Protein backbone atom coordinates (compact mmCIF):
# COMPACT_ATOMS: atom_id res chain seq x y z
CA MET A 1 -86.74 -109.54 17.97
CA ASN A 2 -87.55 -111.82 20.90
CA ASN A 3 -84.88 -113.33 23.12
CA THR A 4 -85.49 -116.88 21.89
CA THR A 5 -84.76 -115.83 18.32
CA TRP A 6 -81.51 -114.19 19.42
CA GLU A 7 -80.49 -117.33 21.26
CA GLN A 8 -81.21 -119.47 18.21
CA ARG A 9 -79.12 -117.23 15.99
CA ALA A 10 -76.28 -117.06 18.47
CA ARG A 11 -76.12 -120.84 18.73
CA GLN A 12 -76.44 -121.23 14.98
CA PHE A 13 -73.47 -118.90 14.49
CA ARG A 14 -71.37 -120.79 17.03
CA ASN A 15 -72.28 -124.09 15.35
CA LEU A 16 -71.10 -122.83 11.96
CA HIS A 17 -67.61 -122.53 13.44
CA GLN A 18 -67.72 -126.02 14.90
CA GLN A 19 -69.11 -128.06 12.04
CA PRO A 20 -67.00 -129.25 9.09
CA GLY A 21 -66.38 -127.02 6.10
CA ILE A 22 -65.71 -123.40 5.30
CA PHE A 23 -68.38 -120.70 5.27
CA VAL A 24 -68.66 -117.08 4.13
CA THR A 25 -70.04 -114.16 6.13
CA PRO A 26 -70.60 -111.49 3.45
CA ASN A 27 -70.82 -107.91 4.67
CA PRO A 28 -74.10 -106.04 4.11
CA TRP A 29 -74.23 -102.34 4.88
CA ASP A 30 -77.99 -101.96 5.40
CA ALA A 31 -81.23 -103.89 5.70
CA GLY A 32 -81.78 -104.19 1.96
CA SER A 33 -78.34 -105.57 1.17
CA ALA A 34 -78.75 -108.00 4.07
CA ARG A 35 -82.01 -109.33 2.64
CA VAL A 36 -80.40 -109.84 -0.76
CA LEU A 37 -77.58 -111.86 0.78
CA GLU A 38 -79.99 -114.01 2.77
CA ALA A 39 -82.13 -114.63 -0.33
CA LEU A 40 -79.03 -115.80 -2.20
CA GLY A 41 -78.41 -118.47 0.42
CA PHE A 42 -75.68 -117.27 2.77
CA LYS A 43 -75.81 -118.70 6.28
CA ALA A 44 -74.55 -115.74 8.34
CA LEU A 45 -73.74 -112.06 7.91
CA ALA A 46 -71.18 -109.61 9.26
CA THR A 47 -71.45 -105.84 9.30
CA THR A 48 -68.90 -103.56 7.66
CA SER A 49 -67.71 -100.35 9.30
CA ALA A 50 -66.67 -98.98 5.92
CA GLY A 51 -70.01 -99.79 4.34
CA LEU A 52 -71.86 -98.06 7.16
CA ALA A 53 -69.56 -95.04 7.01
CA TYR A 54 -70.03 -94.67 3.24
CA SER A 55 -73.80 -94.98 3.57
CA LEU A 56 -73.66 -92.06 6.02
CA GLY A 57 -71.47 -90.00 3.72
CA LYS A 58 -68.40 -90.43 5.93
CA PRO A 59 -64.91 -91.89 5.37
CA ASP A 60 -64.03 -95.16 7.03
CA GLY A 61 -61.80 -94.98 10.08
CA HIS A 62 -61.89 -94.79 13.84
CA SER A 63 -64.23 -92.12 15.20
CA ALA A 64 -65.97 -91.78 11.83
CA ILE A 65 -68.97 -93.64 13.20
CA THR A 66 -70.02 -94.00 16.80
CA ARG A 67 -70.82 -97.09 18.81
CA GLU A 68 -74.46 -96.04 18.80
CA GLU A 69 -74.52 -95.73 15.00
CA THR A 70 -72.80 -99.10 14.66
CA LEU A 71 -75.27 -100.90 16.90
CA ARG A 72 -78.27 -99.16 15.35
CA ASN A 73 -77.11 -100.29 11.89
CA ALA A 74 -76.55 -103.82 13.19
CA GLN A 75 -80.06 -103.91 14.63
CA SER A 76 -81.57 -102.86 11.30
CA ILE A 77 -79.75 -105.75 9.65
CA ILE A 78 -80.77 -108.20 12.39
CA GLN A 79 -84.41 -107.17 12.10
CA ALA A 80 -84.34 -107.50 8.30
CA THR A 81 -83.19 -111.12 8.21
CA SER A 82 -83.40 -114.43 10.04
CA LEU A 83 -79.62 -114.99 9.90
CA PRO A 84 -77.08 -114.66 12.69
CA VAL A 85 -75.18 -111.38 12.44
CA SER A 86 -71.70 -110.56 13.69
CA ALA A 87 -70.50 -106.96 13.92
CA ASP A 88 -67.36 -105.05 13.13
CA LEU A 89 -66.91 -103.39 16.52
CA GLU A 90 -63.64 -101.72 15.49
CA ASN A 91 -61.40 -101.21 18.54
CA GLY A 92 -64.33 -101.54 20.93
CA PHE A 93 -64.85 -97.77 20.72
CA GLY A 94 -62.33 -97.02 23.43
CA ASP A 95 -58.79 -97.72 24.62
CA ASP A 96 -59.67 -99.02 28.06
CA PRO A 97 -60.34 -102.77 28.38
CA ALA A 98 -63.47 -101.91 30.38
CA VAL A 99 -64.86 -100.07 27.36
CA CYS A 100 -64.28 -103.16 25.19
CA ALA A 101 -66.18 -105.24 27.74
CA ALA A 102 -69.06 -102.78 27.79
CA THR A 103 -69.21 -102.80 24.00
CA ILE A 104 -69.53 -106.58 23.93
CA LEU A 105 -72.42 -106.49 26.40
CA LEU A 106 -74.19 -103.79 24.37
CA ALA A 107 -73.61 -105.77 21.18
CA ALA A 108 -75.23 -108.85 22.70
CA GLU A 109 -78.11 -106.73 23.99
CA ALA A 110 -78.62 -105.44 20.45
CA GLY A 111 -79.10 -109.04 19.26
CA LEU A 112 -75.72 -109.70 17.69
CA ALA A 113 -74.43 -113.27 17.58
CA GLY A 114 -70.81 -112.15 17.61
CA GLY A 115 -68.42 -109.30 17.05
CA SER A 116 -64.79 -108.41 16.54
CA ILE A 117 -62.35 -106.35 18.61
CA GLU A 118 -59.18 -105.11 16.94
CA ASP A 119 -55.83 -103.92 18.27
CA ALA A 120 -55.71 -100.74 16.16
CA THR A 121 -55.67 -97.49 18.11
CA GLY A 122 -57.02 -95.13 15.46
CA ASN A 123 -53.93 -92.95 15.95
CA PRO A 124 -51.87 -92.77 12.72
CA ALA A 125 -48.75 -91.86 14.70
CA ASP A 126 -49.07 -94.97 16.86
CA PRO A 127 -51.51 -97.28 15.06
CA ILE A 128 -51.28 -100.48 17.14
CA TYR A 129 -51.83 -100.96 20.85
CA PRO A 130 -48.83 -102.27 22.83
CA PHE A 131 -48.85 -106.05 23.08
CA GLU A 132 -49.79 -106.25 26.76
CA LEU A 133 -52.65 -103.75 26.45
CA ALA A 134 -53.93 -105.46 23.29
CA VAL A 135 -54.13 -108.77 25.17
CA GLU A 136 -55.81 -107.17 28.20
CA ARG A 137 -58.45 -105.68 25.93
CA VAL A 138 -59.23 -109.10 24.44
CA LYS A 139 -59.32 -110.67 27.90
CA ALA A 140 -61.87 -108.08 29.02
CA ALA A 141 -64.00 -108.74 25.93
CA VAL A 142 -63.79 -112.50 26.53
CA GLU A 143 -64.86 -112.10 30.15
CA ALA A 144 -67.84 -110.01 29.08
CA ALA A 145 -68.86 -112.54 26.44
CA SER A 146 -68.44 -115.40 28.91
CA SER A 147 -70.80 -113.68 31.35
CA LEU A 148 -73.68 -113.97 28.88
CA SER A 149 -76.22 -116.79 29.07
CA THR A 150 -76.05 -117.30 25.30
CA PRO A 151 -72.90 -117.84 23.22
CA PHE A 152 -71.37 -114.68 21.79
CA THR A 153 -68.68 -115.54 19.24
CA LEU A 154 -65.78 -113.16 19.82
CA THR A 155 -63.29 -112.49 17.03
CA ALA A 156 -59.92 -110.94 17.92
CA ARG A 157 -58.19 -109.02 15.15
CA ALA A 158 -54.48 -108.25 14.77
CA GLU A 159 -54.23 -105.21 12.50
CA ASN A 160 -50.47 -104.91 11.83
CA LEU A 161 -50.59 -105.87 8.18
CA ILE A 162 -53.14 -103.25 7.13
CA ARG A 163 -51.75 -100.50 9.37
CA GLY A 164 -48.31 -100.25 7.82
CA ARG A 165 -46.54 -102.74 10.09
CA LEU A 166 -45.63 -105.67 7.86
CA ASP A 167 -44.50 -107.84 10.75
CA LEU A 168 -45.96 -111.32 10.36
CA LYS A 169 -44.09 -112.68 13.39
CA ASP A 170 -45.58 -110.07 15.73
CA THR A 171 -48.99 -110.55 14.11
CA ILE A 172 -48.87 -114.28 14.80
CA ASN A 173 -47.63 -113.72 18.36
CA ARG A 174 -50.61 -111.44 18.97
CA LEU A 175 -53.08 -113.94 17.50
CA VAL A 176 -51.67 -116.73 19.65
CA ALA A 177 -51.99 -114.53 22.74
CA PHE A 178 -55.55 -113.60 21.79
CA ALA A 179 -56.37 -117.29 21.38
CA ASP A 180 -54.83 -118.05 24.78
CA ALA A 181 -56.95 -115.22 26.22
CA GLY A 182 -60.07 -117.04 25.04
CA ALA A 183 -61.00 -115.43 21.70
CA ASP A 184 -63.23 -117.75 19.68
CA VAL A 185 -61.97 -116.74 16.23
CA LEU A 186 -58.70 -115.17 15.07
CA PHE A 187 -58.37 -112.69 12.24
CA ALA A 188 -55.42 -110.83 10.71
CA PRO A 189 -56.65 -108.73 7.79
CA GLY A 190 -53.98 -108.35 5.15
CA LEU A 191 -52.80 -111.96 4.83
CA LYS A 192 -52.11 -112.36 1.12
CA THR A 193 -50.37 -115.66 0.44
CA ALA A 194 -51.03 -119.32 1.10
CA GLU A 195 -47.82 -119.43 3.12
CA GLU A 196 -48.91 -116.59 5.42
CA ILE A 197 -52.36 -118.10 5.90
CA THR A 198 -50.92 -121.54 6.65
CA ALA A 199 -48.57 -120.08 9.26
CA VAL A 200 -51.46 -118.38 11.06
CA VAL A 201 -53.74 -121.42 10.93
CA LYS A 202 -51.04 -123.66 12.38
CA ALA A 203 -50.09 -121.18 15.09
CA VAL A 204 -53.59 -120.80 16.56
CA ALA A 205 -54.95 -124.30 15.90
CA PRO A 206 -57.49 -125.58 16.76
CA ARG A 207 -59.14 -122.13 16.97
CA PRO A 208 -60.88 -121.12 13.73
CA VAL A 209 -59.39 -118.41 11.52
CA ASN A 210 -61.19 -115.78 9.46
CA VAL A 211 -59.64 -114.29 6.33
CA ILE A 212 -60.83 -111.39 4.24
CA MET A 213 -61.20 -111.80 0.49
CA GLY A 214 -62.40 -109.50 -2.27
CA ILE A 215 -58.99 -107.84 -2.33
CA SER A 216 -57.46 -106.98 -5.69
CA GLY A 217 -54.74 -109.45 -6.62
CA MET A 218 -55.93 -112.20 -4.29
CA GLU A 219 -56.63 -115.31 -6.34
CA LEU A 220 -57.34 -117.90 -3.66
CA SER A 221 -60.72 -119.63 -4.04
CA LEU A 222 -62.93 -120.96 -1.26
CA ASP A 223 -61.76 -124.49 -2.07
CA MET A 224 -58.14 -123.39 -1.75
CA LEU A 225 -58.81 -121.57 1.52
CA GLN A 226 -60.54 -124.63 2.94
CA GLN A 227 -57.53 -126.75 2.04
CA LEU A 228 -55.36 -124.25 3.93
CA GLY A 229 -57.52 -124.75 7.02
CA ILE A 230 -59.57 -121.54 6.95
CA LYS A 231 -62.97 -121.79 8.60
CA ARG A 232 -64.59 -118.41 7.85
CA VAL A 233 -64.30 -115.86 5.04
CA SER A 234 -65.49 -112.26 5.04
CA VAL A 235 -65.33 -109.72 2.22
CA GLY A 236 -65.13 -106.44 4.14
CA SER A 237 -66.05 -103.39 2.11
CA SER A 238 -65.54 -105.06 -1.27
CA VAL A 239 -69.24 -105.71 -1.97
CA VAL A 240 -70.34 -102.18 -1.06
CA ARG A 241 -67.45 -100.82 -3.16
CA ALA A 242 -68.60 -103.00 -6.06
CA ALA A 243 -72.09 -101.50 -5.67
CA TYR A 244 -70.68 -97.99 -5.61
CA GLY A 245 -68.58 -98.86 -8.65
CA ALA A 246 -71.75 -99.64 -10.63
CA PHE A 247 -73.38 -96.48 -9.26
CA PHE A 248 -70.43 -94.35 -10.35
CA ARG A 249 -70.40 -95.86 -13.83
CA ALA A 250 -74.12 -95.22 -14.25
CA ALA A 251 -73.95 -91.62 -13.06
CA GLU A 252 -70.83 -90.88 -15.09
CA GLU A 253 -72.46 -92.29 -18.23
CA ILE A 254 -75.41 -89.94 -17.79
CA LEU A 255 -73.20 -86.94 -17.09
CA ARG A 256 -70.47 -87.50 -19.66
CA LYS A 257 -72.21 -89.31 -22.51
CA GLY A 258 -75.85 -88.41 -22.07
CA THR A 259 -76.80 -92.06 -22.50
CA PHE A 260 -78.50 -94.60 -20.25
CA SER A 261 -77.21 -98.02 -21.27
CA TYR A 262 -76.32 -98.77 -17.64
CA ALA A 263 -79.99 -99.70 -17.19
CA ASP A 264 -79.45 -102.79 -19.34
CA ASP A 265 -77.48 -104.36 -16.48
CA ALA A 266 -79.65 -103.08 -13.65
CA LYS A 267 -81.61 -105.53 -11.52
CA PRO A 268 -85.21 -105.41 -12.76
CA TYR A 269 -87.64 -103.37 -10.68
CA ALA A 270 -90.08 -106.27 -10.47
CA ASP A 271 -87.39 -108.64 -9.21
CA LEU A 272 -86.42 -106.31 -6.37
CA ASN A 273 -90.02 -105.68 -5.44
CA GLU A 274 -90.69 -109.42 -5.38
CA LEU A 275 -87.58 -110.12 -3.27
CA PHE A 276 -88.25 -107.41 -0.69
CA GLY A 277 -91.94 -108.30 -0.62
CA ARG A 278 -91.13 -111.69 0.88
CA TRP A 279 -90.64 -110.01 4.27
CA PRO A 280 -93.28 -108.13 6.22
């Protein structure tokens, strides 16, 4: 991919956050799933650490996949589509703020239009970085992104709600501090109600907020989320888990019933060949 193309994608991704309306960044796990999502009409993509881990036969979680594996997967997705791609960069692949900064520079070098840094440590005994260190890590990532000649849209994630710390007040305080540190987008996975989402949106305004959907029991539609002030929606591992769900059902039917009716719902061979044949 040439530098001009990367610049175009980076600016396109930044513009999506600045223009009116909500948009979805679905989460492909490989080049093929990325091409499907582009063909369906999505405007941007975001990688999924869980999807990558599962595709490699690993569980999701810190240290399951390396920074090199993450960036290599992101490049395969970038090369497969014409869309801007943002990456799940987990905790920046290191505790030190300098490591977060280095990860952002490597992500931009790989051709990514954006990426996220989270405040989760990967240590189950102490899952969230202390407030001051969490902010310093975001500041370092912001400084690295700001040093680039092309916009790199940095998302800062507060992980309390999905790491066993159901403290909305602290989560909001962290998001506000991340916004003050210069993060472009704020994200607290685990928000479940309109009231929680509204509180976050108001606290960090006018910075855009990402929410994750595709979670069982969540019934908010895109129209509802837009009314609540959400700018960007991701779906995390839910699409890859849906794909694995169909795979499991097909394999289990063969094994347990000795039948093959799953093929009735499979995407036709000719359709997939035609879709993937549109790209060189």
